[in-house]
C-alpha atoms as a PDB file:
ATOM      1  CA  ILE A   1       9.902  81.871   6.009  1.00  0.00           C
ATOM      2  CA  GLU A   2       8.208  80.498   2.915  1.00  0.00           C
ATOM      3  CA  TYR A   3      11.608  79.859   1.315  1.00  0.00           C
ATOM      4  CA  ALA A   4      12.847  77.988   4.389  1.00  0.00           C
ATOM      5  CA  HIS A   5       9.684  75.895   4.417  1.00  0.00           C
ATOM      6  CA  ALA A   6      10.073  75.096   0.719  1.00  0.00           C
ATOM      7  CA  GLU A   7      13.661  74.007   1.437  1.00  0.00           C
ATOM      8  CA  GLY A   8      12.430  71.576   4.100  1.00  0.00           C
ATOM      9  CA  LYS A   9      13.627  73.568   7.114  1.00  0.00           C
ATOM     10  CA  GLN A  10      11.812  72.833  10.362  1.00  0.00           C
ATOM     11  CA  TRP A  11      12.910  75.857  12.371  1.00  0.00           C
ATOM     12  CA  TYR A  12      13.065  79.595  11.814  1.00  0.00           C
ATOM     13  CA  TYR A  13      15.077  81.738  14.210  1.00  0.00           C
ATOM     14  CA  PRO A  14      14.250  85.436  13.866  1.00  0.00           C
ATOM     15  CA  GLY A  15      16.924  86.523  16.336  1.00  0.00           C
ATOM     16  CA  TYR A  16      16.357  88.154  19.650  1.00  0.00           C
ATOM     17  CA  ILE A  17      13.878  90.794  20.763  1.00  0.00           C
ATOM     18  CA  VAL A  18      14.161  93.314  23.574  1.00  0.00           C
ATOM     19  CA  GLN A  19      11.256  94.179  25.846  1.00  0.00           C
ATOM     20  CA  GLY A  20      10.332  97.847  25.469  1.00  0.00           C
ATOM     21  CA  TYR A  21      12.511  98.412  22.378  1.00  0.00           C
ATOM     22  CA  PRO A  22      10.093  98.821  19.459  1.00  0.00           C
ATOM     23  CA  LYS A  23      12.808  98.665  16.792  1.00  0.00           C
ATOM     24  CA  PHE A  24      12.617  94.845  17.063  1.00  0.00           C
ATOM     25  CA  ASP A  25       8.809  94.629  17.041  1.00  0.00           C
ATOM     26  CA  TYR A  26       8.804  93.536  13.394  1.00  0.00           C
ATOM     27  CA  LYS A  27       9.955  90.149  14.683  1.00  0.00           C
ATOM     28  CA  LEU A  28       6.772  89.807  16.752  1.00  0.00           C
ATOM     29  CA  PHE A  29       5.939  87.361  15.192  1.00  0.00           C
ATOM     30  CA  ALA A  30       5.962  85.298  12.118  1.00  0.00           C
ATOM     31  CA  ASP A  31       3.441  83.143  13.978  1.00  0.00           C
ATOM     32  CA  LYS A  32       2.633  83.916  17.614  1.00  0.00           C
ATOM     33  CA  ASN A  33       1.297  80.383  18.046  1.00  0.00           C
ATOM     34  CA  ALA A  34       4.707  78.956  17.160  1.00  0.00           C
ATOM     35  CA  ALA A  35       6.852  81.476  19.068  1.00  0.00           C
ATOM     36  CA  GLU A  36       8.779  80.627  22.203  1.00  0.00           C
ATOM     37  CA  LEU A  37      10.591  82.789  24.735  1.00  0.00           C
ATOM     38  CA  TYR A  38      13.635  81.812  26.761  1.00  0.00           C
ATOM     39  CA  ILE A  39      13.242  82.470  30.488  1.00  0.00           C
ATOM     40  CA  PRO A  40      16.791  82.634  31.909  1.00  0.00           C
ATOM     41  CA  GLU A  41      15.605  82.653  35.541  1.00  0.00           C
ATOM     42  CA  GLN A  42      14.105  79.208  34.945  1.00  0.00           C
ATOM     43  CA  ASN A  43      16.617  78.047  32.313  1.00  0.00           C
ATOM     44  CA  MET A  44      13.787  77.017  30.000  1.00  0.00           C
ATOM     45  CA  TRP A  45      11.850  77.898  26.855  1.00  0.00           C
ATOM     46  CA  CYS A  46       8.138  78.739  27.151  1.00  0.00           C
ATOM     47  CA  ARG A  47       5.444  79.101  24.544  1.00  0.00           C
ATOM     48  CA  TYR A  48       4.750  82.788  23.872  1.00  0.00           C
ATOM     49  CA  VAL A  49       1.696  84.174  25.613  1.00  0.00           C
ATOM     50  CA  GLU A  50       0.695  87.823  25.764  1.00  0.00           C
ATOM     51  CA  GLY A  51       2.195  89.493  28.845  1.00  0.00           C
ATOM     52  CA  LEU A  52       4.896  86.882  29.471  1.00  0.00           C
ATOM     53  CA  MET A  53       7.778  89.225  28.618  1.00  0.00           C
ATOM     54  CA  GLU A  54       6.486  91.852  31.044  1.00  0.00           C
ATOM     55  CA  LYS A  55       6.454  89.275  33.839  1.00  0.00           C
ATOM     56  CA  TYR A  56      10.207  88.689  33.496  1.00  0.00           C
ATOM     57  CA  LYS A  57      11.468  92.271  33.025  1.00  0.00           C
END
């Protein structure tokens, strides 16, 4: 992340995560305040808040 910032990149995409699959938990998160989740049922991105992933299982 620091390298991307130094190179002038605005966005960092850590890849996907899977609810209930702890192997991907290391991606949670570089910065929770900057993280967003895609909600396919609503076809939109939402700011990450604790418990949001459980709501859309």
